[in-house]
N, C-alpha and C. Protein backbone atom coordinates (compact mmCIF):
# COMPACT_ATOMS: atom_id res chain seq x y z
N MET A 1 11.24 100.24 28.13
CA MET A 1 11.86 99.32 29.09
C MET A 1 13.17 99.92 29.59
N SER A 2 13.45 99.75 30.88
CA SER A 2 14.64 100.34 31.48
C SER A 2 15.74 99.31 31.62
N ASN A 3 16.93 99.77 32.08
CA ASN A 3 18.10 98.92 32.31
C ASN A 3 18.46 98.14 31.06
N ILE A 4 19.16 98.82 30.14
CA ILE A 4 19.47 98.27 28.84
C ILE A 4 20.29 96.98 28.93
N ASP A 5 21.03 96.79 30.02
CA ASP A 5 21.86 95.59 30.18
C ASP A 5 21.02 94.33 30.31
N ASN A 6 19.80 94.47 30.78
CA ASN A 6 18.93 93.31 30.99
C ASN A 6 17.85 93.19 29.92
N VAL A 7 18.04 93.85 28.79
CA VAL A 7 17.01 93.84 27.74
C VAL A 7 17.58 93.24 26.46
N LYS A 8 16.79 92.33 25.87
CA LYS A 8 17.14 91.74 24.58
C LYS A 8 15.98 91.93 23.61
N THR A 9 16.26 91.64 22.34
CA THR A 9 15.23 91.78 21.30
C THR A 9 15.00 90.43 20.63
N GLY A 10 13.74 90.14 20.35
CA GLY A 10 13.39 88.90 19.66
C GLY A 10 12.30 89.14 18.64
N VAL A 11 11.98 88.09 17.88
CA VAL A 11 10.94 88.19 16.86
C VAL A 11 9.97 87.02 17.03
N PHE A 12 8.67 87.30 16.97
CA PHE A 12 7.67 86.25 17.04
C PHE A 12 6.60 86.47 15.98
N GLU A 13 5.91 85.40 15.62
CA GLU A 13 4.83 85.49 14.64
C GLU A 13 3.50 85.26 15.33
N TYR A 14 2.52 86.07 14.98
CA TYR A 14 1.19 85.92 15.54
C TYR A 14 0.16 86.27 14.49
N LYS A 15 -0.70 85.30 14.19
CA LYS A 15 -1.75 85.47 13.18
C LYS A 15 -1.19 85.94 11.85
N GLY A 16 -0.08 85.31 11.45
CA GLY A 16 0.50 85.57 10.15
C GLY A 16 1.35 86.81 10.04
N GLU A 17 1.55 87.51 11.13
CA GLU A 17 2.35 88.74 11.11
C GLU A 17 3.53 88.62 12.06
N ASN A 18 4.69 89.12 11.64
CA ASN A 18 5.90 89.09 12.46
C ASN A 18 6.02 90.37 13.29
N TYR A 19 6.44 90.19 14.53
CA TYR A 19 6.61 91.32 15.45
C TYR A 19 8.00 91.25 16.08
N THR A 20 8.65 92.40 16.18
CA THR A 20 9.91 92.51 16.91
C THR A 20 9.61 93.07 18.28
N PHE A 21 10.03 92.36 19.32
CA PHE A 21 9.69 92.80 20.68
C PHE A 21 10.93 92.83 21.57
N ASN A 22 10.82 93.55 22.66
CA ASN A 22 11.88 93.64 23.67
C ASN A 22 11.46 92.87 24.92
N TYR A 23 12.44 92.28 25.59
CA TYR A 23 12.11 91.53 26.81
C TYR A 23 13.27 91.59 27.80
N TYR A 24 12.92 91.48 29.07
CA TYR A 24 13.91 91.47 30.14
C TYR A 24 14.53 90.07 30.29
N THR A 25 15.78 90.04 30.69
CA THR A 25 16.43 88.77 31.04
C THR A 25 16.51 88.61 32.56
N ASP A 26 16.15 89.66 33.28
CA ASP A 26 16.12 89.62 34.75
C ASP A 26 15.07 90.62 35.23
N LEU A 27 14.60 90.42 36.46
CA LEU A 27 13.60 91.33 37.02
C LEU A 27 14.09 91.90 38.34
N ASP A 28 13.73 93.16 38.60
CA ASP A 28 14.01 93.71 39.93
C ASP A 28 12.94 93.19 40.89
N ILE A 29 13.11 93.47 42.17
CA ILE A 29 12.22 92.91 43.19
C ILE A 29 10.77 93.37 42.98
N SER A 30 10.60 94.60 42.51
CA SER A 30 9.25 95.12 42.29
C SER A 30 8.51 94.32 41.21
N LYS A 31 9.20 94.03 40.12
CA LYS A 31 8.58 93.27 39.03
C LYS A 31 8.36 91.82 39.43
N LYS A 32 9.24 91.27 40.26
CA LYS A 32 9.03 89.90 40.75
C LYS A 32 7.74 89.81 41.56
N VAL A 33 7.55 90.80 42.43
CA VAL A 33 6.32 90.84 43.25
C VAL A 33 5.10 90.97 42.35
N SER A 34 5.19 91.84 41.36
CA SER A 34 4.08 92.05 40.43
C SER A 34 3.77 90.76 39.68
N PHE A 35 4.81 90.05 39.26
CA PHE A 35 4.61 88.79 38.53
C PHE A 35 3.89 87.76 39.39
N VAL A 36 4.41 87.54 40.59
CA VAL A 36 3.84 86.52 41.48
C VAL A 36 2.40 86.87 41.85
N ASN A 37 2.16 88.11 42.22
CA ASN A 37 0.80 88.53 42.60
C ASN A 37 -0.17 88.37 41.44
N GLY A 38 0.30 88.67 40.23
CA GLY A 38 -0.56 88.56 39.07
C GLY A 38 -1.00 87.12 38.81
N VAL A 39 -0.07 86.18 38.97
CA VAL A 39 -0.41 84.77 38.78
C VAL A 39 -1.35 84.28 39.87
N VAL A 40 -0.97 84.53 41.12
CA VAL A 40 -1.73 84.01 42.27
C VAL A 40 -3.12 84.61 42.33
N ASP A 41 -3.24 85.91 42.15
CA ASP A 41 -4.55 86.57 42.25
C ASP A 41 -5.49 86.13 41.14
N THR A 42 -4.94 85.73 40.00
CA THR A 42 -5.78 85.23 38.91
C THR A 42 -6.25 83.81 39.20
N LEU A 43 -5.37 83.00 39.76
CA LEU A 43 -5.70 81.60 40.01
C LEU A 43 -6.58 81.40 41.23
N VAL A 44 -6.32 82.17 42.28
CA VAL A 44 -7.03 81.97 43.55
C VAL A 44 -8.01 83.12 43.78
N THR A 45 -9.28 82.82 43.62
CA THR A 45 -10.32 83.81 43.89
C THR A 45 -10.92 83.54 45.26
N GLU A 46 -11.92 84.30 45.63
CA GLU A 46 -12.51 84.17 46.96
C GLU A 46 -13.13 82.79 47.19
N ASN A 47 -13.71 82.23 46.14
CA ASN A 47 -14.44 80.96 46.30
C ASN A 47 -13.85 79.80 45.50
N HIS A 48 -12.75 80.02 44.80
CA HIS A 48 -12.26 78.94 43.95
C HIS A 48 -10.76 79.07 43.69
N TYR A 49 -10.15 77.90 43.42
CA TYR A 49 -8.75 77.86 43.00
C TYR A 49 -8.72 77.27 41.59
N GLN A 50 -8.38 78.11 40.60
CA GLN A 50 -8.39 77.70 39.20
C GLN A 50 -7.08 76.99 38.85
N SER A 51 -6.87 75.82 39.41
CA SER A 51 -5.60 75.11 39.22
C SER A 51 -5.34 74.74 37.77
N ILE A 52 -6.40 74.52 36.99
CA ILE A 52 -6.23 74.11 35.60
C ILE A 52 -5.58 75.19 34.75
N LEU A 53 -5.62 76.43 35.25
CA LEU A 53 -5.05 77.55 34.49
C LEU A 53 -3.60 77.85 34.87
N ARG A 54 -3.02 77.05 35.76
CA ARG A 54 -1.70 77.36 36.32
C ARG A 54 -0.64 77.64 35.25
N SER A 55 -0.45 76.73 34.32
CA SER A 55 0.62 76.90 33.32
C SER A 55 0.30 78.01 32.33
N ILE A 56 -0.97 78.14 31.95
CA ILE A 56 -1.35 79.17 30.98
C ILE A 56 -1.15 80.57 31.57
N ILE A 57 -1.61 80.78 32.79
CA ILE A 57 -1.48 82.10 33.43
C ILE A 57 -0.02 82.42 33.72
N PHE A 58 0.74 81.42 34.13
CA PHE A 58 2.17 81.64 34.38
C PHE A 58 2.84 82.11 33.09
N GLY A 59 2.53 81.43 31.97
CA GLY A 59 3.12 81.82 30.69
C GLY A 59 2.68 83.21 30.25
N PHE A 60 1.40 83.52 30.48
CA PHE A 60 0.89 84.83 30.08
C PHE A 60 1.55 85.95 30.89
N ARG A 61 1.76 85.69 32.17
CA ARG A 61 2.43 86.70 33.00
C ARG A 61 3.90 86.86 32.60
N LEU A 62 4.52 85.79 32.12
CA LEU A 62 5.88 85.91 31.59
C LEU A 62 5.90 86.91 30.44
N ILE A 63 4.94 86.76 29.54
CA ILE A 63 4.86 87.66 28.39
C ILE A 63 4.56 89.09 28.84
N ASP A 64 3.63 89.22 29.77
CA ASP A 64 3.17 90.54 30.20
C ASP A 64 4.23 91.31 30.98
N VAL A 65 4.88 90.64 31.94
CA VAL A 65 5.82 91.32 32.83
C VAL A 65 7.21 91.44 32.21
N PHE A 66 7.63 90.41 31.47
CA PHE A 66 8.98 90.40 30.93
C PHE A 66 9.13 91.17 29.62
N SER A 67 8.03 91.37 28.88
CA SER A 67 8.18 91.93 27.54
C SER A 67 7.13 93.00 27.21
N ASP A 68 7.32 93.59 26.02
CA ASP A 68 6.33 94.56 25.51
C ASP A 68 5.51 93.93 24.39
N ALA A 69 5.52 92.60 24.29
CA ALA A 69 4.85 91.91 23.18
C ALA A 69 3.35 92.17 23.14
N LEU A 70 2.70 92.19 24.29
CA LEU A 70 1.25 92.36 24.31
C LEU A 70 0.82 93.71 23.75
N SER A 71 1.62 94.73 23.98
CA SER A 71 1.27 96.06 23.48
C SER A 71 1.36 96.12 21.95
N LEU A 72 2.14 95.22 21.38
CA LEU A 72 2.29 95.20 19.92
C LEU A 72 1.09 94.55 19.24
N ILE A 73 0.53 93.53 19.87
CA ILE A 73 -0.60 92.82 19.25
C ILE A 73 -1.94 93.29 19.81
N ASN A 74 -1.89 94.21 20.76
CA ASN A 74 -3.12 94.72 21.37
C ASN A 74 -3.02 96.23 21.51
N GLU A 75 -2.97 96.91 20.37
CA GLU A 75 -2.79 98.36 20.37
C GLU A 75 -3.96 99.08 21.03
N GLU A 76 -5.14 98.48 21.03
CA GLU A 76 -6.31 99.12 21.63
C GLU A 76 -6.36 98.91 23.15
N GLU A 77 -5.42 98.10 23.67
CA GLU A 77 -5.30 97.84 25.10
C GLU A 77 -6.60 97.28 25.70
N LYS A 78 -7.27 96.43 24.95
CA LYS A 78 -8.47 95.77 25.48
C LYS A 78 -8.04 94.55 26.30
N SER A 79 -8.91 94.11 27.19
CA SER A 79 -8.58 92.94 28.00
C SER A 79 -8.70 91.68 27.15
N PHE A 80 -7.87 90.68 27.49
CA PHE A 80 -7.87 89.43 26.74
C PHE A 80 -8.82 88.42 27.39
N SER A 81 -9.50 87.66 26.56
CA SER A 81 -10.30 86.55 27.07
C SER A 81 -9.38 85.36 27.35
N LEU A 82 -9.89 84.36 28.07
CA LEU A 82 -9.09 83.17 28.34
C LEU A 82 -8.68 82.47 27.06
N VAL A 83 -9.58 82.45 26.10
CA VAL A 83 -9.28 81.81 24.81
C VAL A 83 -8.13 82.54 24.12
N GLU A 84 -8.15 83.87 24.16
CA GLU A 84 -7.08 84.66 23.54
C GLU A 84 -5.77 84.49 24.29
N ILE A 85 -5.85 84.42 25.61
CA ILE A 85 -4.64 84.22 26.42
C ILE A 85 -3.99 82.88 26.08
N GLU A 86 -4.81 81.84 26.02
CA GLU A 86 -4.27 80.52 25.67
C GLU A 86 -3.67 80.53 24.27
N ASP A 87 -4.32 81.19 23.35
CA ASP A 87 -3.84 81.26 21.97
C ASP A 87 -2.48 81.94 21.90
N ILE A 88 -2.30 83.03 22.62
CA ILE A 88 -1.03 83.76 22.62
C ILE A 88 0.08 82.93 23.25
N VAL A 89 -0.22 82.28 24.37
CA VAL A 89 0.80 81.50 25.08
C VAL A 89 1.21 80.26 24.28
N MET A 90 0.21 79.56 23.72
CA MET A 90 0.47 78.27 23.09
C MET A 90 0.89 78.38 21.62
N ASN A 91 0.48 79.44 20.95
CA ASN A 91 0.70 79.51 19.51
C ASN A 91 1.68 80.59 19.07
N THR A 92 2.45 81.10 20.00
CA THR A 92 3.57 81.98 19.65
C THR A 92 4.83 81.45 20.33
N LYS A 93 5.98 81.98 19.93
CA LYS A 93 7.26 81.56 20.50
C LYS A 93 7.74 82.51 21.58
N ILE A 94 6.87 83.40 22.03
CA ILE A 94 7.30 84.44 22.98
C ILE A 94 7.82 83.81 24.27
N VAL A 95 7.04 82.90 24.86
CA VAL A 95 7.45 82.27 26.11
C VAL A 95 8.75 81.51 25.93
N ASP A 96 8.88 80.77 24.84
CA ASP A 96 10.10 79.99 24.58
C ASP A 96 11.32 80.90 24.49
N ILE A 97 11.17 82.02 23.81
CA ILE A 97 12.29 82.96 23.66
C ILE A 97 12.70 83.53 25.01
N ILE A 98 11.73 83.91 25.83
CA ILE A 98 12.03 84.45 27.15
C ILE A 98 12.71 83.41 28.03
N LEU A 99 12.15 82.20 28.07
CA LEU A 99 12.71 81.14 28.92
C LEU A 99 14.14 80.79 28.53
N ALA A 100 14.45 80.87 27.25
CA ALA A 100 15.78 80.50 26.77
C ALA A 100 16.84 81.54 27.11
N ASN A 101 16.41 82.73 27.53
CA ASN A 101 17.38 83.82 27.71
C ASN A 101 17.39 84.46 29.08
N VAL A 102 16.47 84.10 29.97
CA VAL A 102 16.44 84.74 31.28
C VAL A 102 17.57 84.25 32.16
N LYS A 103 17.82 85.00 33.21
CA LYS A 103 18.87 84.66 34.17
C LYS A 103 18.62 83.28 34.76
N GLU A 104 19.70 82.51 34.90
CA GLU A 104 19.59 81.15 35.42
C GLU A 104 19.00 81.16 36.84
N GLY A 105 18.02 80.31 37.06
CA GLY A 105 17.42 80.19 38.38
C GLY A 105 16.23 81.11 38.61
N LEU A 106 16.03 82.08 37.72
CA LEU A 106 14.95 83.06 37.94
C LEU A 106 13.56 82.42 37.83
N ILE A 107 13.37 81.59 36.83
CA ILE A 107 12.06 80.95 36.64
C ILE A 107 11.74 80.02 37.80
N ASP A 108 12.75 79.29 38.27
CA ASP A 108 12.54 78.42 39.44
C ASP A 108 12.15 79.25 40.66
N GLU A 109 12.80 80.39 40.83
CA GLU A 109 12.47 81.28 41.95
C GLU A 109 11.02 81.76 41.87
N LEU A 110 10.59 82.14 40.69
CA LEU A 110 9.22 82.62 40.51
C LEU A 110 8.21 81.49 40.70
N ASN A 111 8.52 80.31 40.18
CA ASN A 111 7.64 79.16 40.34
C ASN A 111 7.45 78.81 41.81
N GLU A 112 8.55 78.80 42.56
CA GLU A 112 8.49 78.47 43.99
C GLU A 112 7.69 79.52 44.75
N ALA A 113 7.89 80.79 44.40
CA ALA A 113 7.16 81.86 45.08
C ALA A 113 5.66 81.76 44.80
N VAL A 114 5.30 81.45 43.57
CA VAL A 114 3.89 81.27 43.22
C VAL A 114 3.30 80.11 44.02
N ASP A 115 4.01 78.99 44.08
CA ASP A 115 3.51 77.82 44.81
C ASP A 115 3.31 78.14 46.29
N ARG A 116 4.27 78.85 46.89
CA ARG A 116 4.16 79.18 48.32
C ARG A 116 2.98 80.12 48.58
N ASP A 117 2.79 81.10 47.69
CA ASP A 117 1.67 82.03 47.88
C ASP A 117 0.32 81.34 47.67
N ILE A 118 0.27 80.41 46.74
CA ILE A 118 -0.96 79.65 46.53
C ILE A 118 -1.27 78.81 47.76
N GLU A 119 -0.24 78.18 48.32
CA GLU A 119 -0.43 77.39 49.55
C GLU A 119 -0.94 78.28 50.68
N TYR A 120 -0.39 79.48 50.77
CA TYR A 120 -0.81 80.40 51.83
C TYR A 120 -2.26 80.81 51.67
N LYS A 121 -2.66 81.12 50.43
CA LYS A 121 -4.02 81.61 50.20
C LYS A 121 -5.07 80.50 50.24
N THR A 122 -4.69 79.29 49.84
CA THR A 122 -5.66 78.20 49.80
C THR A 122 -5.63 77.32 51.05
N GLY A 123 -4.50 77.34 51.76
CA GLY A 123 -4.35 76.45 52.91
C GLY A 123 -4.03 75.03 52.51
N ILE A 124 -3.78 74.80 51.20
CA ILE A 124 -3.44 73.47 50.70
C ILE A 124 -1.92 73.35 50.65
N HIS A 125 -1.36 72.44 51.45
CA HIS A 125 0.08 72.28 51.52
C HIS A 125 0.50 70.94 50.96
N LYS A 126 1.57 70.94 50.19
CA LYS A 126 2.10 69.70 49.65
C LYS A 126 2.85 68.94 50.74
N ASN A 127 2.61 67.63 50.84
CA ASN A 127 3.36 66.78 51.76
C ASN A 127 4.52 66.18 50.98
N VAL A 128 5.62 66.92 50.92
CA VAL A 128 6.77 66.50 50.11
C VAL A 128 7.36 65.20 50.63
N PHE A 129 7.45 65.08 51.97
CA PHE A 129 8.00 63.85 52.56
C PHE A 129 7.15 62.64 52.18
N GLY A 130 5.84 62.80 52.28
CA GLY A 130 4.95 61.69 51.97
C GLY A 130 5.08 61.24 50.53
N GLU A 131 5.17 62.21 49.61
CA GLU A 131 5.30 61.86 48.21
C GLU A 131 6.62 61.16 47.94
N ALA A 132 7.69 61.62 48.61
CA ALA A 132 9.00 61.00 48.44
C ALA A 132 9.01 59.56 48.93
N VAL A 133 8.37 59.33 50.09
CA VAL A 133 8.32 57.98 50.65
C VAL A 133 7.53 57.06 49.75
N ALA A 134 6.40 57.53 49.22
CA ALA A 134 5.59 56.72 48.33
C ALA A 134 6.39 56.31 47.10
N SER A 135 7.18 57.24 46.58
CA SER A 135 8.02 56.94 45.42
C SER A 135 9.09 55.92 45.78
N LEU A 136 9.70 56.08 46.96
CA LEU A 136 10.74 55.15 47.41
C LEU A 136 10.19 53.74 47.55
N LEU A 137 9.02 53.62 48.15
CA LEU A 137 8.42 52.30 48.37
C LEU A 137 8.03 51.66 47.04
N GLY A 138 7.61 52.46 46.10
CA GLY A 138 7.30 51.92 44.78
C GLY A 138 8.53 51.32 44.13
N THR A 139 9.68 51.99 44.30
CA THR A 139 10.94 51.48 43.76
C THR A 139 11.35 50.18 44.44
N LEU A 140 11.21 50.14 45.76
CA LEU A 140 11.55 48.93 46.50
C LEU A 140 10.69 47.75 46.06
N GLU A 141 9.42 48.03 45.82
CA GLU A 141 8.51 46.95 45.42
C GLU A 141 8.93 46.35 44.08
N GLN A 142 9.46 47.19 43.19
CA GLN A 142 9.89 46.70 41.89
C GLN A 142 11.17 45.88 42.00
N ARG A 143 12.02 46.20 42.96
CA ARG A 143 13.32 45.54 43.07
C ARG A 143 13.28 44.24 43.86
N VAL A 144 12.35 44.11 44.77
CA VAL A 144 12.30 42.92 45.62
C VAL A 144 11.07 42.09 45.24
N LYS A 145 11.28 40.84 44.82
CA LYS A 145 10.18 39.98 44.40
C LYS A 145 9.34 39.57 45.61
N ASP A 146 8.05 39.35 45.33
CA ASP A 146 7.12 38.81 46.32
C ASP A 146 6.87 39.74 47.50
N VAL A 147 7.19 41.03 47.37
CA VAL A 147 6.85 41.97 48.44
C VAL A 147 5.37 42.32 48.32
N ASP A 148 4.68 42.35 49.44
CA ASP A 148 3.25 42.63 49.47
C ASP A 148 3.00 44.10 49.15
N ILE A 149 2.46 44.38 47.97
CA ILE A 149 2.23 45.77 47.56
C ILE A 149 1.24 46.46 48.49
N ASP A 150 0.30 45.70 49.05
CA ASP A 150 -0.67 46.30 49.97
C ASP A 150 0.02 46.84 51.22
N SER A 151 1.03 46.09 51.70
CA SER A 151 1.77 46.56 52.87
C SER A 151 2.53 47.83 52.56
N LEU A 152 3.15 47.86 51.37
CA LEU A 152 3.90 49.04 50.98
C LEU A 152 3.00 50.27 50.88
N MET A 153 1.91 50.10 50.18
CA MET A 153 1.03 51.24 50.00
C MET A 153 0.33 51.64 51.30
N GLY A 154 0.10 50.65 52.17
CA GLY A 154 -0.47 50.97 53.47
C GLY A 154 0.45 51.87 54.27
N PHE A 155 1.74 51.55 54.23
CA PHE A 155 2.71 52.39 54.93
C PHE A 155 2.79 53.78 54.31
N ALA A 156 2.77 53.83 52.96
CA ALA A 156 2.84 55.12 52.28
C ALA A 156 1.66 56.01 52.65
N ASN A 157 0.48 55.40 52.74
CA ASN A 157 -0.71 56.18 53.09
C ASN A 157 -0.64 56.72 54.52
N VAL A 158 -0.06 55.93 55.42
CA VAL A 158 0.10 56.39 56.80
C VAL A 158 1.02 57.61 56.84
N VAL A 159 2.14 57.53 56.11
CA VAL A 159 3.10 58.62 56.10
C VAL A 159 2.51 59.87 55.47
N LYS A 160 1.70 59.69 54.43
CA LYS A 160 1.11 60.85 53.76
C LYS A 160 0.21 61.64 54.70
N ASN A 161 -0.36 60.96 55.68
CA ASN A 161 -1.28 61.63 56.60
C ASN A 161 -0.57 62.35 57.74
N ILE A 162 0.74 62.17 57.83
CA ILE A 162 1.51 62.84 58.87
C ILE A 162 1.87 64.24 58.39
N PRO A 163 1.54 65.30 59.13
CA PRO A 163 1.88 66.65 58.71
C PRO A 163 3.38 66.79 58.48
N ALA A 164 3.76 67.48 57.43
CA ALA A 164 5.18 67.60 57.08
C ALA A 164 5.99 68.23 58.22
N GLU A 165 5.37 69.19 58.93
CA GLU A 165 6.12 69.87 59.99
C GLU A 165 6.42 68.98 61.19
N ASP A 166 5.66 67.86 61.32
CA ASP A 166 5.88 66.94 62.43
C ASP A 166 6.77 65.77 62.06
N MET A 167 7.22 65.73 60.84
CA MET A 167 7.97 64.58 60.37
C MET A 167 9.47 64.85 60.40
N THR A 168 10.21 63.94 60.95
CA THR A 168 11.67 64.01 60.98
C THR A 168 12.21 62.75 60.35
N PRO A 169 13.47 62.76 59.92
CA PRO A 169 14.05 61.54 59.36
C PRO A 169 13.99 60.37 60.34
N GLU A 170 14.16 60.66 61.65
CA GLU A 170 14.12 59.59 62.65
C GLU A 170 12.73 58.96 62.73
N LYS A 171 11.68 59.80 62.75
CA LYS A 171 10.31 59.28 62.81
C LYS A 171 9.97 58.50 61.55
N LEU A 172 10.46 59.00 60.42
CA LEU A 172 10.20 58.33 59.15
C LEU A 172 10.82 56.95 59.14
N TRP A 173 12.06 56.86 59.59
CA TRP A 173 12.74 55.56 59.61
C TRP A 173 12.08 54.62 60.62
N ASP A 174 11.73 55.12 61.78
CA ASP A 174 11.08 54.27 62.80
C ASP A 174 9.77 53.68 62.26
N ALA A 175 9.00 54.51 61.55
CA ALA A 175 7.74 54.04 61.02
C ALA A 175 7.96 52.95 59.97
N TYR A 176 8.97 53.14 59.14
CA TYR A 176 9.27 52.15 58.11
C TYR A 176 9.83 50.86 58.72
N ALA A 177 10.71 51.00 59.71
CA ALA A 177 11.34 49.83 60.34
C ALA A 177 10.32 48.94 61.05
N ASP A 178 9.22 49.53 61.50
CA ASP A 178 8.18 48.76 62.20
C ASP A 178 7.12 48.20 61.25
N SER A 179 7.24 48.50 59.97
CA SER A 179 6.19 48.10 59.03
C SER A 179 6.42 46.69 58.48
N LYS A 180 5.35 46.10 57.96
CA LYS A 180 5.43 44.79 57.32
C LYS A 180 6.28 44.86 56.05
N ALA A 181 6.22 46.00 55.38
CA ALA A 181 7.00 46.16 54.15
C ALA A 181 8.49 46.01 54.42
N PHE A 182 8.96 46.66 55.51
CA PHE A 182 10.38 46.56 55.84
C PHE A 182 10.75 45.14 56.21
N LYS A 183 9.89 44.46 56.98
CA LYS A 183 10.18 43.10 57.40
C LYS A 183 10.33 42.17 56.20
N LYS A 184 9.47 42.34 55.19
CA LYS A 184 9.57 41.51 54.00
C LYS A 184 10.86 41.79 53.24
N VAL A 185 11.20 43.07 53.10
CA VAL A 185 12.44 43.41 52.42
C VAL A 185 13.64 42.87 53.19
N HIS A 186 13.60 43.03 54.51
CA HIS A 186 14.69 42.56 55.36
C HIS A 186 14.87 41.04 55.27
N ASP A 187 13.74 40.32 55.36
CA ASP A 187 13.80 38.86 55.32
C ASP A 187 14.33 38.37 53.97
N GLU A 188 13.90 39.03 52.90
CA GLU A 188 14.37 38.63 51.57
C GLU A 188 15.86 38.89 51.42
N THR A 189 16.32 40.03 51.97
CA THR A 189 17.74 40.37 51.89
C THR A 189 18.58 39.36 52.67
N VAL A 190 18.12 39.01 53.88
CA VAL A 190 18.84 38.01 54.69
C VAL A 190 18.88 36.67 53.97
N LYS A 191 17.76 36.29 53.37
CA LYS A 191 17.67 35.02 52.65
C LYS A 191 18.68 34.97 51.51
N GLN A 192 18.75 36.03 50.74
CA GLN A 192 19.68 36.08 49.63
C GLN A 192 21.13 36.09 50.12
N SER A 193 21.39 36.79 51.22
CA SER A 193 22.74 36.83 51.79
C SER A 193 23.18 35.45 52.27
N ASN A 194 22.27 34.72 52.90
CA ASN A 194 22.58 33.38 53.38
C ASN A 194 22.91 32.45 52.22
N LYS A 195 22.20 32.61 51.10
CA LYS A 195 22.49 31.79 49.93
C LYS A 195 23.90 32.05 49.42
N VAL A 196 24.29 33.30 49.40
CA VAL A 196 25.63 33.66 48.93
C VAL A 196 26.69 33.09 49.87
N ILE A 197 26.45 33.20 51.19
CA ILE A 197 27.41 32.68 52.17
C ILE A 197 27.55 31.17 52.03
N LYS A 198 26.42 30.46 51.86
CA LYS A 198 26.43 29.01 51.72
C LYS A 198 27.19 28.60 50.47
N LEU A 199 26.93 29.29 49.37
CA LEU A 199 27.61 28.97 48.12
C LEU A 199 29.11 29.21 48.24
N THR A 200 29.48 30.28 48.93
CA THR A 200 30.90 30.58 49.12
C THR A 200 31.59 29.51 49.94
N ASP A 201 30.90 29.03 50.99
CA ASP A 201 31.47 27.97 51.82
C ASP A 201 31.65 26.68 51.03
N GLU A 202 30.68 26.34 50.20
CA GLU A 202 30.76 25.12 49.42
C GLU A 202 31.92 25.18 48.43
N VAL A 203 32.11 26.32 47.83
CA VAL A 203 33.23 26.48 46.90
C VAL A 203 34.56 26.37 47.62
N ALA A 204 34.63 26.94 48.83
CA ALA A 204 35.87 26.91 49.61
C ALA A 204 36.24 25.49 50.04
N LYS A 205 35.23 24.59 50.27
CA LYS A 205 35.47 23.24 50.74
C LYS A 205 35.89 22.29 49.62
N GLN A 206 35.66 22.67 48.39
CA GLN A 206 36.03 21.79 47.28
C GLN A 206 37.54 21.69 47.16
N PRO A 207 38.05 20.41 46.95
CA PRO A 207 39.52 20.23 46.82
C PRO A 207 40.05 20.92 45.58
N LYS A 208 41.22 21.45 45.74
CA LYS A 208 41.83 22.14 44.61
C LYS A 208 42.47 21.13 43.67
N LYS A 209 42.23 21.27 42.41
CA LYS A 209 42.82 20.38 41.41
C LYS A 209 44.20 20.89 41.00
N ARG A 210 45.14 19.92 40.98
CA ARG A 210 46.49 20.28 40.57
C ARG A 210 46.61 20.20 39.05
N GLY A 211 47.08 21.18 38.47
CA GLY A 211 47.23 21.20 37.02
C GLY A 211 48.57 20.63 36.59
N ARG A 212 48.62 20.07 35.44
CA ARG A 212 49.86 19.55 34.91
C ARG A 212 50.72 20.66 34.37
N LYS A 213 52.03 20.48 34.62
CA LYS A 213 52.94 21.48 34.11
C LYS A 213 53.09 21.29 32.60
N PRO A 214 53.06 22.32 31.85
CA PRO A 214 53.22 22.19 30.40
C PRO A 214 54.62 21.72 30.06
N LYS A 215 54.71 20.78 29.09
CA LYS A 215 56.00 20.30 28.66
C LYS A 215 56.73 21.35 27.84
N ALA A 216 58.02 21.42 28.11
CA ALA A 216 58.82 22.39 27.37
C ALA A 216 59.07 21.90 25.95
N LYS A 217 58.94 22.76 25.02
CA LYS A 217 59.17 22.39 23.62
C LYS A 217 60.66 22.24 23.35
N LYS A 218 60.97 21.18 22.60
CA LYS A 218 62.38 20.97 22.23
C LYS A 218 62.77 21.95 21.14
N THR A 219 63.94 22.45 21.28
CA THR A 219 64.43 23.37 20.24
C THR A 219 65.48 22.65 19.42
N GLU A 220 65.47 22.81 18.15
CA GLU A 220 66.45 22.16 17.26
C GLU A 220 67.79 22.88 17.37
């Protein structure tokens, strides 16, 4: 392994034997590309997207690209089966050790790059705005009594069908403001505000009671 400044040493146990291994705490651009390509090319084949393997393959590539651990437990350099890959990722501390020591933000960068490349290869894009709105409406439904859940979810489903690239904050607000869900929330808020105003007026109209002055104690 090169660049001694970015290399640390750790110890892991596998099948009853302890191994001392070296691992990177940062990657150069070449290794980042290798990492991302390795994950994406394994998950996305010509006819299928193996989404169920996402976390396992990501962890295995962490071990493979960041460290020399695999060469220690696989001296014959044979290929690993999926069962063996899962066993190494789930039943050793290699991934945990790497994650605890890598440069801050690096794993997030790799995760985002993998997600973007998967979207590119599969054509499946996440509608982040739609998911956020659905979550927001769920929160509103919990906070406001008697709101029609069907109206809320109906609006959420409409927003989810809008392509993310065509959605702006203005369009999002306009769609919500015209919905039955917003009208119910608005009406309930106005109703509660009117109750507060009425109660305040009633308190203000009540005559003030004059209190008696306390008698001064006699001193001997």
